[in-house]
Amino acid sequence: MANSKKRSTLDHDWDPQGFVFVHNKTNQNILLDLPTGDFRLDAGTTFRMTPDIKDVPQIKTLIAQGQVEVSQKKSGDK
């Protein structure tokens, strides 16, 4: 049997407070060209992502155009 060594810890410790919410404010899907690969942000949806998403040039442009919103809370949450 191949080396079946199981990891005892994750490479990253994910902190729920360490995320931001990216919301597509349009009625059209947006294809994001992220450093990790393509990601489709569907119309009107919100996804949780790491805060460095704000440093991606395409996201900066979409925010400036009012098509995408990045916030600490999910849209509709208080």
PDB file of N, CA and C in Angstrom:
ATOM      1  N   MET A   1       0.843  -1.186   0.000  1.00  0.00           N
ATOM      2  CA  MET A   1       0.000   0.000   0.000  1.00  0.00           C
ATOM      3  C   MET A   1       0.886   1.246   0.000  1.00  0.00           C
ATOM      4  N   ALA A   2       0.500   2.222  -0.747  1.00  0.00           N
ATOM      5  CA  ALA A   2       1.253   3.471  -0.836  1.00  0.00           C
ATOM      6  C   ALA A   2       1.288   4.162   0.516  1.00  0.00           C
ATOM      7  N   ASN A   3       2.181   5.085   0.637  1.00  0.00           N
ATOM      8  CA  ASN A   3       2.324   5.840   1.882  1.00  0.00           C
ATOM      9  C   ASN A   3       1.010   6.556   2.194  1.00  0.00           C
ATOM     10  N   SER A   4       0.249   6.054   3.132  1.00  0.00           N
ATOM     11  CA  SER A   4      -1.063   6.628   3.463  1.00  0.00           C
ATOM     12  C   SER A   4      -0.989   7.411   4.767  1.00  0.00           C
ATOM     13  N   LYS A   5      -0.086   8.347   4.787  1.00  0.00           N
ATOM     14  CA  LYS A   5       0.101   9.180   5.968  1.00  0.00           C
ATOM     15  C   LYS A   5      -0.987  10.243   6.011  1.00  0.00           C
ATOM     16  N   LYS A   6      -1.771  10.245   7.060  1.00  0.00           N
ATOM     17  CA  LYS A   6      -2.869  11.205   7.186  1.00  0.00           C
ATOM     18  C   LYS A   6      -2.376  12.443   7.931  1.00  0.00           C
ATOM     19  N   ARG A   7      -2.772  13.602   7.425  1.00  0.00           N
ATOM     20  CA  ARG A   7      -2.390  14.846   8.091  1.00  0.00           C
ATOM     21  C   ARG A   7      -3.118  14.976   9.417  1.00  0.00           C
ATOM     22  N   SER A   8      -2.391  15.437  10.404  1.00  0.00           N
ATOM     23  CA  SER A   8      -3.018  15.648  11.703  1.00  0.00           C
ATOM     24  C   SER A   8      -3.496  17.087  11.865  1.00  0.00           C
ATOM     25  N   THR A   9      -2.997  17.987  11.003  1.00  0.00           N
ATOM     26  CA  THR A   9      -3.431  19.379  11.055  1.00  0.00           C
ATOM     27  C   THR A   9      -3.625  19.895   9.636  1.00  0.00           C
ATOM     28  N   LEU A  10      -4.369  20.950   9.518  1.00  0.00           N
ATOM     29  CA  LEU A  10      -4.571  21.601   8.228  1.00  0.00           C
ATOM     30  C   LEU A  10      -3.421  22.552   7.945  1.00  0.00           C
ATOM     31  N   ASP A  11      -3.222  22.842   6.662  1.00  0.00           N
ATOM     32  CA  ASP A  11      -2.182  23.806   6.293  1.00  0.00           C
ATOM     33  C   ASP A  11      -2.529  25.202   6.789  1.00  0.00           C
ATOM     34  N   HIS A  12      -3.821  25.495   6.861  1.00  0.00           N
ATOM     35  CA  HIS A  12      -4.290  26.807   7.299  1.00  0.00           C
ATOM     36  C   HIS A  12      -5.301  26.614   8.416  1.00  0.00           C
ATOM     37  N   ASP A  13      -5.287  27.503   9.350  1.00  0.00           N
ATOM     38  CA  ASP A  13      -6.338  27.537  10.367  1.00  0.00           C
ATOM     39  C   ASP A  13      -7.319  28.609   9.935  1.00  0.00           C
ATOM     40  N   TRP A  14      -8.501  28.207   9.478  1.00  0.00           N
ATOM     41  CA  TRP A  14      -9.484  29.148   8.947  1.00  0.00           C
ATOM     42  C   TRP A  14     -10.252  29.802  10.073  1.00  0.00           C
ATOM     43  N   ASP A  15     -10.142  31.087  10.131  1.00  0.00           N
ATOM     44  CA  ASP A  15     -10.828  31.890  11.133  1.00  0.00           C
ATOM     45  C   ASP A  15     -12.052  32.520  10.480  1.00  0.00           C
ATOM     46  N   PRO A  16     -13.266  32.204  10.940  1.00  0.00           N
ATOM     47  CA  PRO A  16     -14.467  32.774  10.326  1.00  0.00           C
ATOM     48  C   PRO A  16     -14.449  34.301  10.284  1.00  0.00           C
ATOM     49  N   GLN A  17     -13.767  34.922  11.228  1.00  0.00           N
ATOM     50  CA  GLN A  17     -13.685  36.378  11.247  1.00  0.00           C
ATOM     51  C   GLN A  17     -12.697  36.888  10.201  1.00  0.00           C
ATOM     52  N   GLY A  18     -11.907  35.993   9.622  1.00  0.00           N
ATOM     53  CA  GLY A  18     -10.888  36.385   8.658  1.00  0.00           C
ATOM     54  C   GLY A  18     -11.377  36.358   7.227  1.00  0.00           C
ATOM     55  N   PHE A  19     -12.682  36.408   7.034  1.00  0.00           N
ATOM     56  CA  PHE A  19     -13.254  36.376   5.697  1.00  0.00           C
ATOM     57  C   PHE A  19     -14.032  37.653   5.415  1.00  0.00           C
ATOM     58  N   VAL A  20     -14.220  37.925   4.141  1.00  0.00           N
ATOM     59  CA  VAL A  20     -15.098  39.004   3.706  1.00  0.00           C
ATOM     60  C   VAL A  20     -16.144  38.382   2.786  1.00  0.00           C
ATOM     61  N   PHE A  21     -17.211  39.093   2.571  1.00  0.00           N
ATOM     62  CA  PHE A  21     -18.269  38.645   1.681  1.00  0.00           C
ATOM     63  C   PHE A  21     -18.218  39.453   0.399  1.00  0.00           C
ATOM     64  N   VAL A  22     -18.226  38.761  -0.722  1.00  0.00           N
ATOM     65  CA  VAL A  22     -18.204  39.395  -2.038  1.00  0.00           C
ATOM     66  C   VAL A  22     -19.577  39.182  -2.654  1.00  0.00           C
ATOM     67  N   HIS A  23     -20.250  40.289  -2.949  1.00  0.00           N
ATOM     68  CA  HIS A  23     -21.628  40.235  -3.444  1.00  0.00           C
ATOM     69  C   HIS A  23     -21.708  40.796  -4.858  1.00  0.00           C
ATOM     70  N   ASN A  24     -22.285  40.013  -5.761  1.00  0.00           N
ATOM     71  CA  ASN A  24     -22.536  40.465  -7.129  1.00  0.00           C
ATOM     72  C   ASN A  24     -23.855  41.225  -7.116  1.00  0.00           C
ATOM     73  N   LYS A  25     -23.796  42.533  -7.299  1.00  0.00           N
ATOM     74  CA  LYS A  25     -24.983  43.381  -7.229  1.00  0.00           C
ATOM     75  C   LYS A  25     -25.752  43.447  -8.545  1.00  0.00           C
ATOM     76  N   THR A  26     -25.252  42.783  -9.574  1.00  0.00           N
ATOM     77  CA  THR A  26     -25.881  42.862 -10.892  1.00  0.00           C
ATOM     78  C   THR A  26     -26.817  41.676 -11.132  1.00  0.00           C
ATOM     79  N   ASN A  27     -27.475  41.711 -12.270  1.00  0.00           N
ATOM     80  CA  ASN A  27     -28.332  40.594 -12.661  1.00  0.00           C
ATOM     81  C   ASN A  27     -27.651  39.720 -13.714  1.00  0.00           C
ATOM     82  N   GLN A  28     -26.314  39.834 -13.780  1.00  0.00           N
ATOM     83  CA  GLN A  28     -25.533  39.028 -14.712  1.00  0.00           C
ATOM     84  C   GLN A  28     -24.410  38.309 -13.968  1.00  0.00           C
ATOM     85  N   ASN A  29     -24.066  37.111 -14.430  1.00  0.00           N
ATOM     86  CA  ASN A  29     -22.935  36.386 -13.864  1.00  0.00           C
ATOM     87  C   ASN A  29     -21.649  37.123 -14.211  1.00  0.00           C
ATOM     88  N   ILE A  30     -20.677  37.082 -13.300  1.00  0.00           N
ATOM     89  CA  ILE A  30     -19.381  37.715 -13.533  1.00  0.00           C
ATOM     90  C   ILE A  30     -18.317  36.629 -13.425  1.00  0.00           C
ATOM     91  N   LEU A  31     -17.463  36.527 -14.443  1.00  0.00           N
ATOM     92  CA  LEU A  31     -16.359  35.579 -14.413  1.00  0.00           C
ATOM     93  C   LEU A  31     -15.138  36.308 -13.871  1.00  0.00           C
ATOM     94  N   LEU A  32     -14.690  35.873 -12.703  1.00  0.00           N
ATOM     95  CA  LEU A  32     -13.536  36.490 -12.064  1.00  0.00           C
ATOM     96  C   LEU A  32     -12.281  35.722 -12.436  1.00  0.00           C
ATOM     97  N   ASP A  33     -11.247  36.441 -12.813  1.00  0.00           N
ATOM     98  CA  ASP A  33      -9.958  35.848 -13.133  1.00  0.00           C
ATOM     99  C   ASP A  33      -9.066  36.009 -11.909  1.00  0.00           C
ATOM    100  N   LEU A  34      -9.177  35.057 -10.978  1.00  0.00           N
ATOM    101  CA  LEU A  34      -8.450  35.128  -9.714  1.00  0.00           C
ATOM    102  C   LEU A  34      -7.101  34.428  -9.822  1.00  0.00           C
ATOM    103  N   PRO A  35      -6.152  34.760  -8.950  1.00  0.00           N
ATOM    104  CA  PRO A  35      -4.849  34.090  -8.973  1.00  0.00           C
ATOM    105  C   PRO A  35      -4.961  32.563  -8.826  1.00  0.00           C
ATOM    106  N   THR A  36      -6.018  32.100  -8.187  1.00  0.00           N
ATOM    107  CA  THR A  36      -6.219  30.661  -7.993  1.00  0.00           C
ATOM    108  C   THR A  36      -6.967  30.013  -9.146  1.00  0.00           C
ATOM    109  N   GLY A  37      -7.424  30.816 -10.104  1.00  0.00           N
ATOM    110  CA  GLY A  37      -8.155  30.301 -11.255  1.00  0.00           C
ATOM    111  C   GLY A  37      -9.460  31.043 -11.452  1.00  0.00           C
ATOM    112  N   ASP A  38     -10.182  30.677 -12.498  1.00  0.00           N
ATOM    113  CA  ASP A  38     -11.459  31.326 -12.803  1.00  0.00           C
ATOM    114  C   ASP A  38     -12.511  30.972 -11.751  1.00  0.00           C
ATOM    115  N   PHE A  39     -13.364  31.948 -11.456  1.00  0.00           N
ATOM    116  CA  PHE A  39     -14.445  31.754 -10.493  1.00  0.00           C
ATOM    117  C   PHE A  39     -15.661  32.514 -10.997  1.00  0.00           C
ATOM    118  N   ARG A  40     -16.781  31.825 -11.109  1.00  0.00           N
ATOM    119  CA  ARG A  40     -18.006  32.484 -11.568  1.00  0.00           C
ATOM    120  C   ARG A  40     -18.806  32.962 -10.368  1.00  0.00           C
ATOM    121  N   LEU A  41     -19.002  34.270 -10.305  1.00  0.00           N
ATOM    122  CA  LEU A  41     -19.820  34.889  -9.265  1.00  0.00           C
ATOM    123  C   LEU A  41     -21.193  35.128  -9.886  1.00  0.00           C
ATOM    124  N   ASP A  42     -22.127  34.265  -9.540  1.00  0.00           N
ATOM    125  CA  ASP A  42     -23.450  34.314 -10.160  1.00  0.00           C
ATOM    126  C   ASP A  42     -24.212  35.585  -9.790  1.00  0.00           C
ATOM    127  N   ALA A  43     -25.122  35.960 -10.645  1.00  0.00           N
ATOM    128  CA  ALA A  43     -25.936  37.161 -10.470  1.00  0.00           C
ATOM    129  C   ALA A  43     -26.629  37.157  -9.115  1.00  0.00           C
ATOM    130  N   GLY A  44     -26.448  38.236  -8.363  1.00  0.00           N
ATOM    131  CA  GLY A  44     -27.133  38.413  -7.091  1.00  0.00           C
ATOM    132  C   GLY A  44     -26.643  37.546  -5.950  1.00  0.00           C
ATOM    133  N   THR A  45     -25.567  36.798  -6.148  1.00  0.00           N
ATOM    134  CA  THR A  45     -25.094  35.907  -5.088  1.00  0.00           C
ATOM    135  C   THR A  45     -23.975  36.539  -4.271  1.00  0.00           C
ATOM    136  N   THR A  46     -23.747  35.953  -3.107  1.00  0.00           N
ATOM    137  CA  THR A  46     -22.694  36.387  -2.204  1.00  0.00           C
ATOM    138  C   THR A  46     -21.839  35.186  -1.841  1.00  0.00           C
ATOM    139  N   PHE A  47     -20.522  35.344  -1.897  1.00  0.00           N
ATOM    140  CA  PHE A  47     -19.602  34.285  -1.515  1.00  0.00           C
ATOM    141  C   PHE A  47     -18.625  34.807  -0.479  1.00  0.00           C
ATOM    142  N   ARG A  48     -18.201  33.903   0.387  1.00  0.00           N
ATOM    143  CA  ARG A  48     -17.218  34.237   1.413  1.00  0.00           C
ATOM    144  C   ARG A  48     -15.832  33.957   0.845  1.00  0.00           C
ATOM    145  N   MET A  49     -14.943  34.948   0.969  1.00  0.00           N
ATOM    146  CA  MET A  49     -13.594  34.831   0.427  1.00  0.00           C
ATOM    147  C   MET A  49     -12.598  35.454   1.396  1.00  0.00           C
ATOM    148  N   THR A  50     -11.332  35.209   1.153  1.00  0.00           N
ATOM    149  CA  THR A  50     -10.297  35.801   2.001  1.00  0.00           C
ATOM    150  C   THR A  50     -10.160  37.291   1.678  1.00  0.00           C
ATOM    151  N   PRO A  51      -9.760  38.091   2.662  1.00  0.00           N
ATOM    152  CA  PRO A  51      -9.708  39.549   2.480  1.00  0.00           C
ATOM    153  C   PRO A  51      -8.795  40.031   1.354  1.00  0.00           C
ATOM    154  N   ASP A  52      -7.813  39.227   0.972  1.00  0.00           N
ATOM    155  CA  ASP A  52      -6.917  39.670  -0.100  1.00  0.00           C
ATOM    156  C   ASP A  52      -7.613  39.740  -1.457  1.00  0.00           C
ATOM    157  N   ILE A  53      -8.866  39.309  -1.528  1.00  0.00           N
ATOM    158  CA  ILE A  53      -9.647  39.453  -2.759  1.00  0.00           C
ATOM    159  C   ILE A  53      -9.737  40.920  -3.171  1.00  0.00           C
ATOM    160  N   LYS A  54      -9.681  41.814  -2.180  1.00  0.00           N
ATOM    161  CA  LYS A  54      -9.774  43.257  -2.463  1.00  0.00           C
ATOM    162  C   LYS A  54      -8.555  43.785  -3.208  1.00  0.00           C
ATOM    163  N   ASP A  55      -7.468  42.998  -3.230  1.00  0.00           N
ATOM    164  CA  ASP A  55      -6.243  43.415  -3.910  1.00  0.00           C
ATOM    165  C   ASP A  55      -6.204  42.999  -5.377  1.00  0.00           C
ATOM    166  N   VAL A  56      -7.168  42.202  -5.805  1.00  0.00           N
ATOM    167  CA  VAL A  56      -7.216  41.738  -7.200  1.00  0.00           C
ATOM    168  C   VAL A  56      -7.696  42.902  -8.075  1.00  0.00           C
ATOM    169  N   PRO A  57      -6.922  43.277  -9.106  1.00  0.00           N
ATOM    170  CA  PRO A  57      -7.288  44.426  -9.953  1.00  0.00           C
ATOM    171  C   PRO A  57      -8.708  44.357 -10.516  1.00  0.00           C
ATOM    172  N   GLN A  58      -9.138  43.193 -10.970  1.00  0.00           N
ATOM    173  CA  GLN A  58     -10.483  43.068 -11.530  1.00  0.00           C
ATOM    174  C   GLN A  58     -11.541  43.383 -10.481  1.00  0.00           C
ATOM    175  N   ILE A  59     -11.329  42.947  -9.242  1.00  0.00           N
ATOM    176  CA  ILE A  59     -12.283  43.220  -8.156  1.00  0.00           C
ATOM    177  C   ILE A  59     -12.308  44.716  -7.872  1.00  0.00           C
ATOM    178  N   LYS A  60     -11.143  45.348  -7.847  1.00  0.00           N
ATOM    179  CA  LYS A  60     -11.081  46.800  -7.626  1.00  0.00           C
ATOM    180  C   LYS A  60     -11.898  47.540  -8.682  1.00  0.00           C
ATOM    181  N   THR A  61     -11.773  47.115  -9.930  1.00  0.00           N
ATOM    182  CA  THR A  61     -12.525  47.740 -11.027  1.00  0.00           C
ATOM    183  C   THR A  61     -14.018  47.520 -10.852  1.00  0.00           C
ATOM    184  N   LEU A  62     -14.416  46.292 -10.527  1.00  0.00           N
ATOM    185  CA  LEU A  62     -15.836  45.982 -10.356  1.00  0.00           C
ATOM    186  C   LEU A  62     -16.444  46.744  -9.175  1.00  0.00           C
ATOM    187  N   ILE A  63     -15.671  46.937  -8.117  1.00  0.00           N
ATOM    188  CA  ILE A  63     -16.142  47.726  -6.973  1.00  0.00           C
ATOM    189  C   ILE A  63     -16.347  49.179  -7.406  1.00  0.00           C
ATOM    190  N   ALA A  64     -15.367  49.734  -8.132  1.00  0.00           N
ATOM    191  CA  ALA A  64     -15.455  51.126  -8.597  1.00  0.00           C
ATOM    192  C   ALA A  64     -16.652  51.324  -9.529  1.00  0.00           C
ATOM    193  N   GLN A  65     -17.006  50.306 -10.302  1.00  0.00           N
ATOM    194  CA  GLN A  65     -18.146  50.382 -11.219  1.00  0.00           C
ATOM    195  C   GLN A  65     -19.476  50.110 -10.517  1.00  0.00           C
ATOM    196  N   GLY A  66     -19.415  49.720  -9.252  1.00  0.00           N
ATOM    197  CA  GLY A  66     -20.635  49.454  -8.492  1.00  0.00           C
ATOM    198  C   GLY A  66     -21.264  48.094  -8.781  1.00  0.00           C
ATOM    199  N   GLN A  67     -20.533  47.211  -9.438  1.00  0.00           N
ATOM    200  CA  GLN A  67     -21.072  45.898  -9.771  1.00  0.00           C
ATOM    201  C   GLN A  67     -20.885  44.875  -8.651  1.00  0.00           C
ATOM    202  N   VAL A  68     -19.851  45.079  -7.852  1.00  0.00           N
ATOM    203  CA  VAL A  68     -19.515  44.143  -6.779  1.00  0.00           C
ATOM    204  C   VAL A  68     -19.333  44.915  -5.491  1.00  0.00           C
ATOM    205  N   GLU A  69     -19.742  44.292  -4.395  1.00  0.00           N
ATOM    206  CA  GLU A  69     -19.578  44.886  -3.068  1.00  0.00           C
ATOM    207  C   GLU A  69     -18.803  43.895  -2.204  1.00  0.00           C
ATOM    208  N   VAL A  70     -17.813  44.387  -1.464  1.00  0.00           N
ATOM    209  CA  VAL A  70     -17.052  43.567  -0.534  1.00  0.00           C
ATOM    210  C   VAL A  70     -17.297  44.124   0.863  1.00  0.00           C
ATOM    211  N   SER A  71     -17.755  43.255   1.766  1.00  0.00           N
ATOM    212  CA  SER A  71     -18.068  43.722   3.118  1.00  0.00           C
ATOM    213  C   SER A  71     -17.723  42.664   4.155  1.00  0.00           C
ATOM    214  N   GLN A  72     -17.730  43.077   5.408  1.00  0.00           N
ATOM    215  CA  GLN A  72     -17.450  42.169   6.524  1.00  0.00           C
ATOM    216  C   GLN A  72     -18.659  41.308   6.853  1.00  0.00           C
ATOM    217  N   LYS A  73     -19.835  41.742   6.439  1.00  0.00           N
ATOM    218  CA  LYS A  73     -21.077  41.010   6.737  1.00  0.00           C
ATOM    219  C   LYS A  73     -21.767  40.634   5.443  1.00  0.00           C
ATOM    220  N   LYS A  74     -22.469  39.522   5.488  1.00  0.00           N
ATOM    221  CA  LYS A  74     -23.226  39.070   4.318  1.00  0.00           C
ATOM    222  C   LYS A  74     -24.360  40.054   4.050  1.00  0.00           C
ATOM    223  N   SER A  75     -24.640  40.299   2.787  1.00  0.00           N
ATOM    224  CA  SER A  75     -25.731  41.202   2.427  1.00  0.00           C
ATOM    225  C   SER A  75     -27.018  40.803   3.128  1.00  0.00           C
ATOM    226  N   GLY A  76     -27.653  41.754   3.751  1.00  0.00           N
ATOM    227  CA  GLY A  76     -28.907  41.492   4.467  1.00  0.00           C
ATOM    228  C   GLY A  76     -28.698  41.210   5.951  1.00  0.00           C
ATOM    229  N   ASP A  77     -27.459  40.890   6.381  1.00  0.00           N
ATOM    230  CA  ASP A  77     -27.192  40.674   7.805  1.00  0.00           C
ATOM    231  C   ASP A  77     -27.046  42.002   8.507  1.00  0.00           C
ATOM    232  N   LYS A  78     -27.384  42.000   9.778  1.00  0.00           N
ATOM    233  CA  LYS A  78     -27.243  43.226  10.576  1.00  0.00           C
ATOM    234  C   LYS A  78     -25.905  43.301  11.219  1.00  0.00           C
TER     235      LYS A  78
END
